[in-house]
Amino acid sequence: MRDADETDATAASAGDGAPDSNPDTDPDADTDPDADTDPDPVVRRRDAVTYEPVDAAEGLSKGVLLDASDGAPHFAMRRFELAPGAAVPRHTNAVEHEQYVLAGEYVVGIGDEEHVVSPGDALLIPAGVEHWYRNEGDEPGAFVCVVPNGDDTIELVE
């Protein structure tokens, strides 16, 4: 990324010998048909993220870091916090989840197995696979969770 006050003079005088082309006047000029729909870059500062409790699990809160409303075309990135002693019941989701553990040590059940996770661990929870969380520690747990944009059906498992 370059600073906004830099000019395109260096790029324009690259010396490749090719004539300059103008996409407005040259029908053979290379153009990107999606140029007008490309998302703008976004930087969301941590103090701009609002956390709300998750209805299905007392002690779990969610903050949306980036999603379609920010122009992210494919994925939503959320940050979850799991309080000490909190548990998320067994459930499935209609979409896959990729997670990255930021803080704490807690248990994640996936399918028939339980895993103790800690900062730096990454998880893939495929769509439709039962999973649950339990924080038995004294410190809050936190993780980033990335999912495809769009609707997600969550079903609690008895």
C-alpha atoms as a PDB file:
ATOM      1  CA  MET A   1       0.000   0.000   0.000  1.00  0.00           C
ATOM      2  CA  ARG A   2       1.366   3.397  -0.828  1.00  0.00           C
ATOM      3  CA  ASP A   3       0.737   6.772   0.712  1.00  0.00           C
ATOM      4  CA  ALA A   4      -2.042   8.818  -0.819  1.00  0.00           C
ATOM      5  CA  ASP A   5       0.314  11.685  -1.696  1.00  0.00           C
ATOM      6  CA  GLU A   6       2.538   9.530  -3.910  1.00  0.00           C
ATOM      7  CA  THR A   7       1.988   9.986  -7.632  1.00  0.00           C
ATOM      8  CA  ASP A   8       1.623   7.413 -10.349  1.00  0.00           C
ATOM      9  CA  ALA A   9       4.581   8.959 -12.214  1.00  0.00           C
ATOM     10  CA  THR A  10       6.909   6.128 -11.255  1.00  0.00           C
ATOM     11  CA  ALA A  11       4.454   3.479 -12.389  1.00  0.00           C
ATOM     12  CA  ALA A  12       3.633   5.353 -15.601  1.00  0.00           C
ATOM     13  CA  SER A  13       7.304   5.691 -16.545  1.00  0.00           C
ATOM     14  CA  ALA A  14       8.192   2.072 -15.874  1.00  0.00           C
ATOM     15  CA  GLY A  15       9.878   1.979 -19.288  1.00  0.00           C
ATOM     16  CA  ASP A  16       8.277  -1.182 -20.589  1.00  0.00           C
ATOM     17  CA  GLY A  17       7.871   0.391 -24.014  1.00  0.00           C
ATOM     18  CA  ALA A  18       4.137  -0.234 -24.128  1.00  0.00           C
ATOM     19  CA  PRO A  19       1.983   2.706 -25.075  1.00  0.00           C
ATOM     20  CA  ASP A  20      -0.368   4.045 -22.456  1.00  0.00           C
ATOM     21  CA  SER A  21      -3.968   2.983 -23.002  1.00  0.00           C
ATOM     22  CA  ASN A  22      -7.103   4.703 -21.845  1.00  0.00           C
ATOM     23  CA  PRO A  23     -10.024   2.353 -21.124  1.00  0.00           C
ATOM     24  CA  ASP A  24     -12.459   5.175 -21.900  1.00  0.00           C
ATOM     25  CA  THR A  25     -11.202   5.575 -25.485  1.00  0.00           C
ATOM     26  CA  ASP A  26      -9.454   2.266 -26.251  1.00  0.00           C
ATOM     27  CA  PRO A  27     -11.845  -0.707 -26.470  1.00  0.00           C
ATOM     28  CA  ASP A  28      -8.879  -3.120 -26.308  1.00  0.00           C
ATOM     29  CA  ALA A  29      -7.546  -1.675 -23.039  1.00  0.00           C
ATOM     30  CA  ASP A  30      -7.458  -4.074 -20.089  1.00  0.00           C
ATOM     31  CA  THR A  31     -10.263  -3.231 -17.701  1.00  0.00           C
ATOM     32  CA  ASP A  32     -11.658  -4.888 -14.618  1.00  0.00           C
ATOM     33  CA  PRO A  33     -15.444  -5.233 -14.992  1.00  0.00           C
ATOM     34  CA  ASP A  34     -15.749  -5.558 -11.193  1.00  0.00           C
ATOM     35  CA  ALA A  35     -13.672  -2.462 -10.417  1.00  0.00           C
ATOM     36  CA  ASP A  36     -16.716  -0.518  -9.247  1.00  0.00           C
ATOM     37  CA  THR A  37     -17.847  -3.351  -6.966  1.00  0.00           C
ATOM     38  CA  ASP A  38     -14.526  -4.048  -5.248  1.00  0.00           C
ATOM     39  CA  PRO A  39     -14.831  -3.371  -1.512  1.00  0.00           C
ATOM     40  CA  ASP A  40     -13.063  -0.424   0.044  1.00  0.00           C
ATOM     41  CA  PRO A  41     -10.409  -1.239   2.645  1.00  0.00           C
ATOM     42  CA  VAL A  42     -11.666  -1.062   6.227  1.00  0.00           C
ATOM     43  CA  VAL A  43      -9.807  -0.679   9.505  1.00  0.00           C
ATOM     44  CA  ARG A  44     -12.020  -1.269  12.531  1.00  0.00           C
ATOM     45  CA  ARG A  45     -10.465  -0.204  15.823  1.00  0.00           C
ATOM     46  CA  ARG A  46     -11.104  -2.396  18.846  1.00  0.00           C
ATOM     47  CA  ASP A  47     -12.911   0.365  20.725  1.00  0.00           C
ATOM     48  CA  ALA A  48     -15.427   0.558  17.846  1.00  0.00           C
ATOM     49  CA  VAL A  49     -16.527  -3.077  18.314  1.00  0.00           C
ATOM     50  CA  THR A  50     -19.662  -3.575  20.408  1.00  0.00           C
ATOM     51  CA  TYR A  51     -20.096  -6.854  22.291  1.00  0.00           C
ATOM     52  CA  GLU A  52     -23.507  -8.337  22.963  1.00  0.00           C
ATOM     53  CA  PRO A  53     -24.517 -11.421  24.954  1.00  0.00           C
ATOM     54  CA  VAL A  54     -25.343 -14.545  22.956  1.00  0.00           C
ATOM     55  CA  ASP A  55     -28.875 -15.719  23.845  1.00  0.00           C
ATOM     56  CA  ALA A  56     -28.175 -19.456  23.803  1.00  0.00           C
ATOM     57  CA  ALA A  57     -25.232 -19.317  26.230  1.00  0.00           C
ATOM     58  CA  GLU A  58     -24.909 -17.331  29.425  1.00  0.00           C
ATOM     59  CA  GLY A  59     -21.380 -15.965  29.713  1.00  0.00           C
ATOM     60  CA  LEU A  60     -20.743 -15.853  25.959  1.00  0.00           C
ATOM     61  CA  SER A  61     -20.543 -12.496  24.168  1.00  0.00           C
ATOM     62  CA  LYS A  62     -19.993 -11.686  20.515  1.00  0.00           C
ATOM     63  CA  GLY A  63     -18.558  -8.690  18.700  1.00  0.00           C
ATOM     64  CA  VAL A  64     -18.727  -8.423  14.919  1.00  0.00           C
ATOM     65  CA  LEU A  65     -15.334  -7.282  13.648  1.00  0.00           C
ATOM     66  CA  LEU A  66     -16.157  -7.221   9.911  1.00  0.00           C
ATOM     67  CA  ASP A  67     -19.029  -8.497   7.789  1.00  0.00           C
ATOM     68  CA  ALA A  68     -21.077  -7.773   4.673  1.00  0.00           C
ATOM     69  CA  SER A  69     -22.209  -4.424   6.086  1.00  0.00           C
ATOM     70  CA  ASP A  70     -18.554  -3.329   5.918  1.00  0.00           C
ATOM     71  CA  GLY A  71     -18.252  -4.474   2.310  1.00  0.00           C
ATOM     72  CA  ALA A  72     -16.640  -7.845   3.115  1.00  0.00           C
ATOM     73  CA  PRO A  73     -17.910  -9.862   0.138  1.00  0.00           C
ATOM     74  CA  HIS A  74     -17.490 -13.412   1.409  1.00  0.00           C
ATOM     75  CA  PHE A  75     -16.904 -13.772   5.146  1.00  0.00           C
ATOM     76  CA  ALA A  76     -17.908 -12.408   8.530  1.00  0.00           C
ATOM     77  CA  MET A  77     -15.232 -12.147  11.211  1.00  0.00           C
ATOM     78  CA  ARG A  78     -16.456 -12.171  14.784  1.00  0.00           C
ATOM     79  CA  ARG A  79     -14.730 -12.178  18.180  1.00  0.00           C
ATOM     80  CA  PHE A  80     -16.243 -14.201  21.016  1.00  0.00           C
ATOM     81  CA  GLU A  81     -15.502 -14.009  24.727  1.00  0.00           C
ATOM     82  CA  LEU A  82     -16.272 -16.970  26.994  1.00  0.00           C
ATOM     83  CA  ALA A  83     -16.417 -16.037  30.689  1.00  0.00           C
ATOM     84  CA  PRO A  84     -14.882 -18.286  33.366  1.00  0.00           C
ATOM     85  CA  GLY A  85     -17.384 -20.999  34.251  1.00  0.00           C
ATOM     86  CA  ALA A  86     -19.456 -20.401  31.094  1.00  0.00           C
ATOM     87  CA  ALA A  87     -20.600 -23.167  28.769  1.00  0.00           C
ATOM     88  CA  VAL A  88     -22.133 -23.199  25.299  1.00  0.00           C
ATOM     89  CA  PRO A  89     -24.548 -26.109  24.756  1.00  0.00           C
ATOM     90  CA  ARG A  90     -24.125 -28.743  22.052  1.00  0.00           C
ATOM     91  CA  HIS A  91     -25.305 -27.386  18.748  1.00  0.00           C
ATOM     92  CA  THR A  92     -24.817 -27.536  15.009  1.00  0.00           C
ATOM     93  CA  ASN A  93     -24.512 -24.772  12.442  1.00  0.00           C
ATOM     94  CA  ALA A  94     -25.497 -24.801   8.779  1.00  0.00           C
ATOM     95  CA  VAL A  95     -22.155 -23.231   7.831  1.00  0.00           C
ATOM     96  CA  GLU A  96     -18.530 -24.046   8.577  1.00  0.00           C
ATOM     97  CA  HIS A  97     -16.622 -22.187  11.291  1.00  0.00           C
ATOM     98  CA  GLU A  98     -12.911 -21.389  11.307  1.00  0.00           C
ATOM     99  CA  GLN A  99     -11.669 -20.296  14.725  1.00  0.00           C
ATOM    100  CA  TYR A 100      -8.447 -18.936  16.174  1.00  0.00           C
ATOM    101  CA  VAL A 101      -7.930 -18.916  19.947  1.00  0.00           C
ATOM    102  CA  LEU A 102      -6.767 -15.564  21.310  1.00  0.00           C
ATOM    103  CA  ALA A 103      -6.893 -15.957  25.099  1.00  0.00           C
ATOM    104  CA  GLY A 104      -7.578 -18.374  27.917  1.00  0.00           C
ATOM    105  CA  GLU A 105      -7.707 -22.133  28.006  1.00  0.00           C
ATOM    106  CA  TYR A 106     -11.042 -23.851  27.513  1.00  0.00           C
ATOM    107  CA  VAL A 107     -12.627 -27.065  26.241  1.00  0.00           C
ATOM    108  CA  VAL A 108     -14.104 -27.359  22.763  1.00  0.00           C
ATOM    109  CA  GLY A 109     -16.103 -30.445  21.927  1.00  0.00           C
ATOM    110  CA  ILE A 110     -16.226 -31.339  18.250  1.00  0.00           C
ATOM    111  CA  GLY A 111     -18.093 -34.450  17.207  1.00  0.00           C
ATOM    112  CA  ASP A 112     -17.268 -37.160  19.755  1.00  0.00           C
ATOM    113  CA  GLU A 113     -14.020 -35.591  21.018  1.00  0.00           C
ATOM    114  CA  GLU A 114     -13.125 -32.863  23.500  1.00  0.00           C
ATOM    115  CA  HIS A 115     -10.051 -30.690  23.007  1.00  0.00           C
ATOM    116  CA  VAL A 116      -8.394 -28.302  25.450  1.00  0.00           C
ATOM    117  CA  VAL A 117      -7.436 -25.244  23.407  1.00  0.00           C
ATOM    118  CA  SER A 118      -5.219 -22.268  24.186  1.00  0.00           C
ATOM    119  CA  PRO A 119      -3.883 -19.162  22.418  1.00  0.00           C
ATOM    120  CA  GLY A 120      -2.511 -19.886  18.961  1.00  0.00           C
ATOM    121  CA  ASP A 121      -4.675 -22.956  18.330  1.00  0.00           C
ATOM    122  CA  ALA A 122      -6.837 -23.012  15.191  1.00  0.00           C
ATOM    123  CA  LEU A 123     -10.003 -25.043  14.636  1.00  0.00           C
ATOM    124  CA  LEU A 124     -12.137 -26.038  11.677  1.00  0.00           C
ATOM    125  CA  ILE A 125     -15.687 -26.972  12.592  1.00  0.00           C
ATOM    126  CA  PRO A 126     -17.399 -28.258   9.436  1.00  0.00           C
ATOM    127  CA  ALA A 127     -21.045 -27.429   8.757  1.00  0.00           C
ATOM    128  CA  GLY A 128     -23.459 -29.777  10.521  1.00  0.00           C
ATOM    129  CA  VAL A 129     -20.940 -31.109  13.067  1.00  0.00           C
ATOM    130  CA  GLU A 130     -21.977 -30.996  16.745  1.00  0.00           C
ATOM    131  CA  HIS A 131     -19.801 -28.770  18.897  1.00  0.00           C
ATOM    132  CA  TRP A 132     -19.822 -27.103  22.312  1.00  0.00           C
ATOM    133  CA  TYR A 133     -17.602 -25.022  24.601  1.00  0.00           C
ATOM    134  CA  ARG A 134     -16.818 -25.079  28.320  1.00  0.00           C
ATOM    135  CA  ASN A 135     -14.530 -22.695  30.194  1.00  0.00           C
ATOM    136  CA  GLU A 136     -13.467 -24.450  33.389  1.00  0.00           C
ATOM    137  CA  GLY A 137     -10.645 -21.977  34.048  1.00  0.00           C
ATOM    138  CA  ASP A 138     -10.345 -18.734  35.996  1.00  0.00           C
ATOM    139  CA  GLU A 139      -9.529 -16.609  32.947  1.00  0.00           C
ATOM    140  CA  PRO A 140     -11.857 -15.564  30.143  1.00  0.00           C
ATOM    141  CA  GLY A 141     -11.429 -17.339  26.834  1.00  0.00           C
ATOM    142  CA  ALA A 142     -11.496 -15.443  23.550  1.00  0.00           C
ATOM    143  CA  PHE A 143     -11.457 -16.517  19.926  1.00  0.00           C
ATOM    144  CA  VAL A 144     -11.949 -15.188  16.437  1.00  0.00           C
ATOM    145  CA  CYS A 145     -14.562 -17.043  14.406  1.00  0.00           C
ATOM    146  CA  VAL A 146     -14.872 -16.634  10.637  1.00  0.00           C
ATOM    147  CA  VAL A 147     -17.981 -17.823   8.801  1.00  0.00           C
ATOM    148  CA  PRO A 148     -19.368 -17.337   5.297  1.00  0.00           C
ATOM    149  CA  ASN A 149     -21.662 -14.337   4.933  1.00  0.00           C
ATOM    150  CA  GLY A 150     -25.361 -15.109   4.840  1.00  0.00           C
ATOM    151  CA  ASP A 151     -27.831 -17.035   6.917  1.00  0.00           C
ATOM    152  CA  ASP A 152     -26.743 -19.640   9.438  1.00  0.00           C
ATOM    153  CA  THR A 153     -29.207 -22.037  11.048  1.00  0.00           C
ATOM    154  CA  ILE A 154     -28.240 -22.994  14.582  1.00  0.00           C
ATOM    155  CA  GLU A 155     -29.810 -26.089  16.101  1.00  0.00           C
ATOM    156  CA  LEU A 156     -29.392 -27.016  19.748  1.00  0.00           C
ATOM    157  CA  VAL A 157     -28.735 -30.720  20.333  1.00  0.00           C
ATOM    158  CA  GLU A 158     -30.575 -32.375  23.238  1.00  0.00           C
END
